[in-house]
Protein backbone atom coordinates (compact mmCIF):
# COMPACT_ATOMS: atom_id res chain seq x y z
CA MET A 1 37.72 66.66 13.39
CA ARG A 2 34.40 65.76 11.13
CA ARG A 3 34.58 62.09 12.33
CA VAL A 4 35.23 63.15 15.78
CA ALA A 5 32.28 65.82 15.92
CA VAL A 6 29.89 63.52 14.33
CA ALA A 7 30.63 60.43 16.86
CA SER A 8 30.37 62.82 19.75
CA PHE A 9 27.46 64.45 18.50
CA ILE A 10 25.43 60.81 17.64
CA GLY A 11 26.43 59.44 20.41
CA THR A 12 25.11 61.78 23.04
CA ALA A 13 21.98 62.06 20.89
CA ILE A 14 21.27 58.44 21.34
CA GLU A 15 21.82 58.42 25.28
CA PHE A 16 19.76 61.33 25.74
CA TYR A 17 16.97 60.07 23.38
CA ASP A 18 17.22 56.98 25.95
CA PHE A 19 16.95 59.24 29.05
CA TYR A 20 14.56 61.60 28.05
CA ILE A 21 11.90 58.97 26.39
CA TYR A 22 11.60 57.66 30.34
CA GLY A 23 10.84 61.18 31.41
CA THR A 24 8.33 61.67 28.73
CA ALA A 25 6.77 58.13 29.93
CA ALA A 26 7.13 59.23 33.56
CA ALA A 27 4.81 62.04 32.90
CA LEU A 28 2.57 60.55 30.77
CA VAL A 29 2.14 56.81 31.48
CA LEU A 30 4.13 55.16 34.11
CA ASN A 31 2.14 56.34 36.99
CA GLN A 32 -0.76 54.25 35.52
CA ALA A 33 1.25 51.47 34.17
CA PHE A 34 3.24 50.63 37.45
CA PHE A 35 1.45 52.40 40.13
CA PRO A 36 -2.29 51.98 39.55
CA THR A 37 -3.09 51.09 43.34
CA LEU A 38 -2.07 54.99 44.46
CA ASP A 39 -4.10 58.11 44.10
CA PRO A 40 -3.16 60.45 41.22
CA VAL A 41 -0.66 62.65 43.02
CA ASN A 42 1.11 60.00 44.80
CA ALA A 43 1.24 57.75 41.77
CA THR A 44 2.60 60.84 39.83
CA LEU A 45 5.24 61.27 42.91
CA ALA A 46 6.15 57.54 42.45
CA SER A 47 6.56 57.97 38.74
CA PHE A 48 8.78 60.87 39.12
CA SER A 49 10.77 58.96 41.74
CA THR A 50 11.72 56.13 39.42
CA TYR A 51 13.02 59.02 37.22
CA ALA A 52 15.14 60.36 39.91
CA VAL A 53 16.88 57.03 40.60
CA ALA A 54 18.94 57.31 37.55
CA PHE A 55 20.30 60.83 38.56
CA ALA A 56 21.37 59.36 41.84
CA ALA A 57 23.19 56.24 39.93
CA ARG A 58 24.89 59.11 37.68
CA PRO A 59 27.74 60.29 40.06
CA LEU A 60 28.46 56.39 40.53
CA GLY A 61 28.61 55.79 36.87
CA SER A 62 30.83 59.05 36.65
CA VAL A 63 33.22 57.10 38.99
CA VAL A 64 33.10 53.77 37.52
CA PHE A 65 33.54 54.92 33.74
CA GLY A 66 35.87 57.94 34.95
CA HIS A 67 38.15 55.54 36.56
CA PHE A 68 38.48 53.46 33.15
CA GLY A 69 38.51 56.52 31.12
CA ASP A 70 41.43 58.08 32.77
CA ARG A 71 43.19 54.87 32.93
CA VAL A 72 42.67 53.02 29.68
CA GLY A 73 41.38 55.64 27.41
CA ARG A 74 38.11 57.28 26.15
CA LYS A 75 36.96 55.56 23.30
CA SER A 76 36.69 52.03 24.81
CA VAL A 77 34.78 53.78 27.95
CA LEU A 78 32.39 55.46 25.66
CA VAL A 79 31.39 51.97 23.92
CA ALA A 80 30.84 50.45 26.74
CA SER A 81 28.40 53.20 28.14
CA LEU A 82 26.60 53.23 25.09
CA LEU A 83 25.68 49.56 25.36
CA LEU A 84 24.61 49.95 29.16
CA MET A 85 22.43 52.62 28.47
CA GLY A 86 20.94 51.14 25.29
CA LEU A 87 20.29 47.81 26.48
CA SER A 88 18.73 49.18 29.65
CA THR A 89 16.37 51.44 28.10
CA ALA A 90 15.36 48.75 25.37
CA LEU A 91 14.45 46.40 27.88
CA VAL A 92 11.90 48.90 29.79
CA GLY A 93 9.89 48.56 26.73
CA LEU A 94 9.75 44.68 27.21
CA LEU A 95 8.59 44.95 30.94
CA PRO A 96 5.47 43.68 31.72
CA GLY A 97 3.35 45.98 34.06
CA TYR A 98 1.90 45.92 37.34
CA GLY A 99 -1.12 44.14 36.45
CA THR A 100 0.88 41.26 35.20
CA TRP A 101 3.82 40.91 37.43
CA GLY A 102 2.58 42.89 40.60
CA ILE A 103 5.22 44.35 42.63
CA TRP A 104 8.01 42.85 40.86
CA ALA A 105 7.29 45.28 37.71
CA PRO A 106 8.08 48.63 39.84
CA LEU A 107 11.22 47.13 41.15
CA LEU A 108 12.60 45.90 38.15
CA LEU A 109 11.77 49.00 36.35
CA ILE A 110 13.79 50.95 39.10
CA LEU A 111 16.83 48.58 38.58
CA LEU A 112 16.49 49.21 34.95
CA ARG A 113 16.43 52.87 35.29
CA PHE A 114 19.37 52.60 37.58
CA LEU A 115 21.71 50.87 34.98
CA GLN A 116 20.37 53.75 32.75
CA GLY A 117 22.17 56.35 34.95
CA ILE A 118 25.14 54.50 35.32
CA GLY A 119 25.51 54.26 31.44
CA LEU A 120 24.79 58.03 31.31
CA GLY A 121 27.01 58.86 34.14
CA GLY A 122 30.00 57.95 31.90
CA GLU A 123 28.81 59.19 28.56
CA TRP A 124 28.76 62.88 28.85
CA GLY A 125 32.18 63.35 30.18
CA GLY A 126 33.66 60.99 27.69
CA ALA A 127 31.80 62.61 24.59
CA ALA A 128 32.93 65.86 25.91
CA LEU A 129 36.27 65.10 26.32
CA LEU A 130 36.19 63.46 22.64
CA ALA A 131 35.58 66.59 21.12
CA VAL A 132 37.81 68.92 23.47
CA GLU A 133 40.75 67.12 23.47
CA HIS A 134 40.79 66.73 19.79
CA ALA A 135 40.07 70.20 19.13
CA PRO A 136 42.79 73.09 18.54
CA ARG A 137 43.35 75.78 21.09
CA GLY A 138 41.01 78.83 20.41
CA ARG A 139 38.01 76.14 19.02
CA ARG A 140 37.39 74.02 22.00
CA GLY A 141 34.05 75.95 22.34
CA LEU A 142 33.20 75.41 18.74
CA TYR A 143 33.91 71.40 18.73
CA ALA A 144 32.25 71.41 22.29
CA ALA A 145 29.22 72.29 20.92
CA PHE A 146 28.55 69.17 19.18
CA PRO A 147 28.00 66.72 22.05
CA GLN A 148 26.33 69.77 23.76
CA LEU A 149 23.57 69.62 20.85
CA GLY A 150 23.27 65.82 21.45
CA PRO A 151 20.67 66.33 24.47
CA SER A 152 18.74 68.98 21.93
CA VAL A 153 18.49 66.24 19.34
CA GLY A 154 17.84 63.38 21.85
CA PHE A 155 14.80 65.57 23.53
CA PHE A 156 13.22 66.50 19.98
CA ALA A 157 13.55 62.61 18.81
CA ALA A 158 12.15 61.61 22.10
CA THR A 159 9.27 63.66 22.18
CA GLY A 160 8.71 63.62 18.29
CA VAL A 161 8.34 59.91 18.57
CA PHE A 162 5.73 60.24 21.61
CA TRP A 163 3.90 62.93 19.48
CA LEU A 164 3.51 60.81 16.27
CA LEU A 165 2.15 57.90 18.47
CA SER A 166 -0.10 60.02 20.36
CA GLU A 167 -1.48 61.32 16.93
CA ALA A 168 -1.41 57.90 15.18
CA MET A 169 -3.37 55.57 17.93
CA SER A 170 -5.91 55.90 20.61
CA ASP A 171 -5.22 56.97 24.11
CA ALA A 172 -6.29 53.40 25.04
CA ALA A 173 -3.76 51.68 22.61
CA PHE A 174 -1.29 54.29 23.70
CA ARG A 175 -1.42 53.38 27.13
CA SER A 176 -1.70 49.79 26.70
CA TRP A 177 1.34 49.42 24.33
CA GLY A 178 2.06 52.25 22.18
CA TRP A 179 4.30 53.87 24.84
CA ARG A 180 6.76 50.94 24.59
CA VAL A 181 7.76 51.42 20.88
CA PRO A 182 10.24 54.39 21.72
CA PHE A 183 12.14 52.15 24.33
CA LEU A 184 12.20 49.29 21.76
CA LEU A 185 13.65 51.73 18.89
CA SER A 186 16.65 52.08 21.46
CA PHE A 187 17.72 48.43 20.01
CA LEU A 188 18.19 49.96 16.62
CA LEU A 189 19.84 53.15 17.75
CA VAL A 190 22.70 51.35 19.94
CA GLY A 191 23.75 49.53 16.60
CA VAL A 192 23.99 53.08 15.06
CA GLY A 193 26.03 54.41 17.69
CA LEU A 194 28.36 51.64 17.83
CA PHE A 195 29.20 51.67 14.23
CA VAL A 196 30.17 55.30 14.57
CA ARG A 197 32.04 55.12 17.54
CA LEU A 198 34.19 52.04 16.67
CA LYS A 199 35.65 54.08 13.89
CA ILE A 200 37.20 56.96 16.23
CA SER A 201 40.81 56.91 17.51
CA GLU A 202 41.83 57.87 21.01
CA THR A 203 42.25 61.73 21.88
CA PRO A 204 46.08 62.78 21.27
CA VAL A 205 46.02 64.64 24.80
CA PHE A 206 45.33 61.60 26.61
CA ALA A 207 47.42 59.31 24.09
CA LYS A 208 50.45 61.47 25.49
CA VAL A 209 49.43 60.16 29.30
CA LEU A 210 49.48 56.95 28.49
CA ASP A 211 52.96 57.07 26.70
CA ALA A 212 54.43 58.78 29.36
CA GLN A 213 52.85 56.44 31.73
CA GLU A 214 51.47 59.26 33.80
CA ALA A 215 47.64 57.75 34.47
CA SER A 216 46.36 58.22 37.89
CA ARG A 217 46.13 55.40 40.08
CA VAL A 218 42.72 56.19 41.49
CA PRO A 219 41.14 58.81 39.53
CA ALA A 220 38.20 59.74 41.71
CA VAL A 221 40.31 59.93 44.85
CA ASP A 222 42.74 62.32 43.10
CA VAL A 223 39.65 64.47 41.85
CA PHE A 224 38.79 64.97 45.73
CA ARG A 225 42.15 65.62 46.60
CA ARG A 226 43.38 67.88 44.19
CA HIS A 227 40.45 69.64 42.79
CA PRO A 228 37.59 69.87 45.46
CA ARG A 229 36.79 73.39 44.74
CA GLU A 230 36.53 72.76 41.13
CA LEU A 231 34.23 69.82 41.49
CA LEU A 232 31.89 71.32 43.90
CA LEU A 233 31.27 74.70 42.37
CA GLY A 234 31.45 73.20 39.14
CA ALA A 235 28.47 71.02 39.88
CA GLY A 236 26.58 73.77 41.38
CA GLY A 237 27.06 75.72 38.31
CA MET A 238 25.30 72.79 36.54
CA VAL A 239 22.30 73.20 38.87
CA VAL A 240 20.27 75.61 36.89
CA ALA A 241 20.47 73.97 33.75
CA TYR A 242 19.33 70.81 35.04
CA GLY A 243 16.51 72.66 37.00
CA LEU A 244 15.41 74.44 34.10
CA PHE A 245 15.09 71.72 31.71
CA TYR A 246 13.28 69.33 33.86
CA THR A 247 11.09 71.72 35.23
CA ALA A 248 10.22 72.96 31.86
CA THR A 249 9.97 69.65 30.07
CA THR A 250 8.80 66.37 32.47
CA TYR A 251 7.29 68.67 35.15
CA CYS A 252 5.14 71.04 32.78
CA LEU A 253 4.30 68.11 30.65
CA ALA A 254 2.50 66.60 33.65
CA TYR A 255 1.41 69.59 35.10
CA ALA A 256 -0.32 71.16 31.72
CA THR A 257 -1.82 67.79 30.71
CA GLY A 258 -2.87 66.73 34.43
CA THR A 259 -3.67 69.96 36.01
CA LEU A 260 -4.65 72.19 33.32
CA GLY A 261 -6.13 69.99 31.10
CA ILE A 262 -4.35 70.67 27.86
CA PRO A 263 -4.46 67.81 25.16
CA ARG A 264 -1.16 65.39 25.83
CA THR A 265 -0.49 66.15 21.60
CA THR A 266 -0.97 69.73 21.91
CA MET A 267 1.77 69.65 24.74
CA LEU A 268 4.23 67.44 23.09
CA GLY A 269 3.73 69.45 19.76
CA LEU A 270 4.57 72.76 21.87
CA SER A 271 7.63 70.83 23.52
CA LEU A 272 9.06 70.28 20.01
CA VAL A 273 8.81 74.04 18.94
CA ALA A 274 10.52 74.83 22.65
CA CYS A 275 13.29 72.28 21.80
CA LEU A 276 14.37 74.53 18.63
CA PHE A 277 15.10 77.15 21.51
CA LEU A 278 17.20 74.81 23.62
CA ALA A 279 19.36 74.08 20.28
CA ALA A 280 19.34 77.65 19.39
CA GLY A 281 20.75 79.04 22.79
CA THR A 282 23.30 75.72 23.03
CA TRP A 283 24.94 76.33 19.96
CA LEU A 284 25.04 80.14 20.37
CA ALA A 285 26.74 80.00 23.39
CA ALA A 286 29.22 77.31 22.77
CA THR A 287 30.49 78.54 19.58
CA ARG A 288 30.90 82.14 20.92
CA SER A 289 32.41 80.91 24.12
CA ASP A 290 35.87 80.90 22.51
CA GLY A 291 35.74 84.53 21.82
CA SER A 292 33.47 85.89 24.71
CA GLY A 293 34.69 83.48 27.44
CA ARG A 294 32.86 80.27 29.02
CA ARG A 295 32.48 81.99 32.28
CA THR A 296 30.47 85.45 31.25
CA LEU A 297 27.92 83.34 28.84
CA ILE A 298 27.15 80.96 32.05
CA LEU A 299 26.84 83.95 34.38
CA GLY A 300 24.67 85.76 31.61
CA GLY A 301 22.43 82.53 31.13
CA SER A 302 21.96 82.07 35.00
CA GLY A 303 21.13 85.55 35.30
CA LEU A 304 18.43 85.46 32.65
CA ALA A 305 17.05 81.98 34.29
CA LEU A 306 16.67 83.88 37.39
CA VAL A 307 14.20 86.44 35.87
CA TRP A 308 12.45 83.70 33.58
CA GLY A 309 11.58 81.25 36.38
CA LEU A 310 9.26 83.83 37.76
CA ALA A 311 7.53 84.25 33.88
CA LEU A 312 7.05 80.70 33.10
CA PHE A 313 4.38 79.55 35.23
CA PRO A 314 2.31 82.77 34.36
CA LEU A 315 2.48 81.64 30.94
CA LEU A 316 1.56 78.34 31.37
CA ASP A 317 -1.21 79.50 33.24
CA THR A 318 -2.88 81.29 30.62
CA ARG A 319 -3.42 77.97 28.80
CA GLN A 320 -2.88 79.57 25.68
CA PRO A 321 -0.39 77.43 23.35
CA VAL A 322 1.59 80.29 21.88
CA LEU A 323 2.17 81.81 25.44
CA ILE A 324 2.81 78.25 26.64
CA ALA A 325 5.52 77.51 23.96
CA LEU A 326 7.15 80.91 24.57
CA GLY A 327 7.48 79.98 28.44
CA ILE A 328 8.91 76.51 28.16
CA GLY A 329 10.96 77.81 24.93
CA GLY A 330 12.45 80.64 26.92
CA ALA A 331 13.31 78.72 29.94
CA LEU A 332 15.01 75.88 27.45
CA PHE A 333 16.75 78.95 25.70
CA CYS A 334 18.32 79.99 29.07
CA MET A 335 19.23 76.36 29.78
CA GLY A 336 20.97 76.16 26.40
CA VAL A 337 23.02 79.45 27.11
CA VAL A 338 24.10 77.90 30.07
CA TYR A 339 24.93 74.26 29.05
CA GLY A 340 26.56 75.09 25.94
CA PRO A 341 29.86 76.44 27.13
CA MET A 342 29.90 73.71 30.01
CA GLY A 343 31.28 71.34 27.26
CA ALA A 344 34.49 72.99 27.42
CA TYR A 345 34.15 74.52 30.74
CA LEU A 346 33.99 71.75 32.96
CA PRO A 347 37.01 69.71 31.15
CA GLU A 348 39.02 72.84 31.24
CA LEU A 349 38.59 72.85 35.01
CA PHE A 350 40.55 69.50 35.81
CA GLY A 351 43.64 68.18 34.97
CA THR A 352 44.55 65.37 32.09
CA THR A 353 44.99 62.85 34.48
CA VAL A 354 41.62 62.96 36.09
CA ARG A 355 39.76 65.09 33.57
CA TYR A 356 37.12 62.46 32.43
CA SER A 357 36.52 61.78 36.23
CA GLY A 358 36.31 65.28 37.48
CA ALA A 359 34.24 66.50 34.76
CA SER A 360 31.90 63.88 34.61
CA LEU A 361 31.21 63.95 38.61
CA ALA A 362 30.75 67.74 38.49
CA TYR A 363 28.50 67.40 35.57
CA ASN A 364 26.36 64.42 37.36
CA LEU A 365 26.19 65.72 40.70
CA GLY A 366 24.90 68.85 39.68
CA GLY A 367 21.98 66.58 37.75
CA VAL A 368 21.30 64.94 41.24
CA LEU A 369 20.88 68.42 42.98
CA GLY A 370 18.94 69.87 39.80
CA GLY A 371 17.38 67.25 37.80
CA ALA A 372 16.60 64.33 40.09
CA VAL A 373 14.70 66.82 42.64
CA ALA A 374 12.93 69.06 40.32
CA PRO A 375 10.19 67.43 39.22
CA LEU A 376 9.40 66.18 42.84
CA VAL A 377 9.82 69.46 44.63
CA ALA A 378 7.79 71.03 41.97
CA THR A 379 5.00 68.47 42.35
CA ARG A 380 4.69 69.18 46.01
CA LEU A 381 5.10 72.91 45.67
CA GLN A 382 2.30 73.18 43.21
CA ALA A 383 0.27 71.02 45.34
CA ALA A 384 1.00 72.94 48.51
CA PHE A 385 1.56 76.74 47.43
CA GLY A 386 0.32 77.01 43.52
CA SER A 387 2.23 77.37 40.39
CA ALA A 388 3.98 80.59 41.42
CA SER A 389 6.08 78.85 43.85
CA VAL A 390 7.64 76.48 41.21
CA GLY A 391 8.85 79.78 39.28
CA TRP A 392 10.46 80.98 42.15
CA TYR A 393 12.14 77.59 42.94
CA VAL A 394 13.60 77.55 39.33
CA SER A 395 14.94 81.25 40.12
CA ALA A 396 16.33 80.17 43.37
CA MET A 397 18.45 77.21 41.39
CA ALA A 398 19.63 80.12 38.80
CA LEU A 399 20.71 82.17 41.81
CA VAL A 400 22.74 79.29 43.33
CA SER A 401 24.51 78.42 39.90
CA LEU A 402 25.32 81.85 39.59
CA GLY A 403 27.08 82.24 42.86
CA CYS A 404 28.70 78.95 41.87
CA VAL A 405 30.26 80.26 38.72
CA LEU A 406 31.29 83.70 40.00
CA ALA A 407 33.74 81.80 42.50
CA LEU A 408 35.32 80.08 39.42
CA PRO A 409 37.80 81.45 37.14
CA GLU A 410 37.83 81.77 33.35
CA THR A 411 39.44 78.62 31.35
CA ARG A 412 39.33 79.41 27.80
CA GLU A 413 43.11 80.18 27.66
CA ARG A 414 43.97 77.03 29.66
CA GLU A 415 46.44 74.30 28.13
CA LEU A 416 44.61 71.14 28.05
CA LEU A 417 48.03 69.04 28.68
CA GLY A 418 48.86 69.32 32.39
């Protein structure tokens, strides 16, 4: 179990590092590197639009990788998703900007971002199942906490690399070539991830399915036919987690540095502090979900997010570093309380033969609704109605998730084989 926990944790940390460095770059520099002919607001929107492309691709990745994960096995699919995600990320660091390749530069950027989304669409479900299907009953929440911590560590690493580069070089050097360094590091991280993942075995639960020759012929179709309610409500339950994260990180970074005039290094440093709140909320809620129940904690996190959404931007608008850290950290803590138990909750909603496809689709459809559009909507709302309207938008997403999870059952006592 130690090897499984390490493999699921390291894999998701690397994959989400790849995903998050794009979000940080989109907030800080991609608008100028790939869309220099647009005015500042539209350049930011264009940058966030390329960011959103991966969210649209993630459900497709769930279908593709989920198909093979439910028919061939969890392990081999996780290796393939890591390769696709890592190489697509590294190639962004080698892509010339608009000044060199013209319109081809943003078009190729969109293609690489799309491939990133395909890869990540297959990552989370496999990593969660790797932990959950190896774990003994009564400890699935504990072991699912390890892949759920991957995003916290990936975000911390991504933000930390950008912070170090911002401190070590001039603004001109950072915008010219420094921002490419985090992407190129992905070449090294892919090698580390492959080394770890090739050492793990297939999950015992799915091995029994293969032995009995009971694998689904077309898992995605079976998910829609047998589990439509769990799929749609599970996706709705994920909306607030995505909305909180990408509003509090990607959008708030662009808003604070662009609109409020806060230095980039200051905001990156505050984001590093806030990430600790995310890790704490994730670990506490995931490990306690074995005793208190997944559903109870997710509902509590959604309710807290509904209130915190209204406090987030008044805290940011003070321009006081301590209050900014409190605002973003509180939002990420709420996100962690929702996100932590989801590592076990979403897999437990689906049967063994469609679990990879079902859990991945629910997780990534929630990303389309909560993550892809959040920075875009927030940018438009702030420009039209002021920052307070973005807080109301966050609270509305929390209300959606609250209603969806209320309509779902508790799952911690369910058997996984079935």
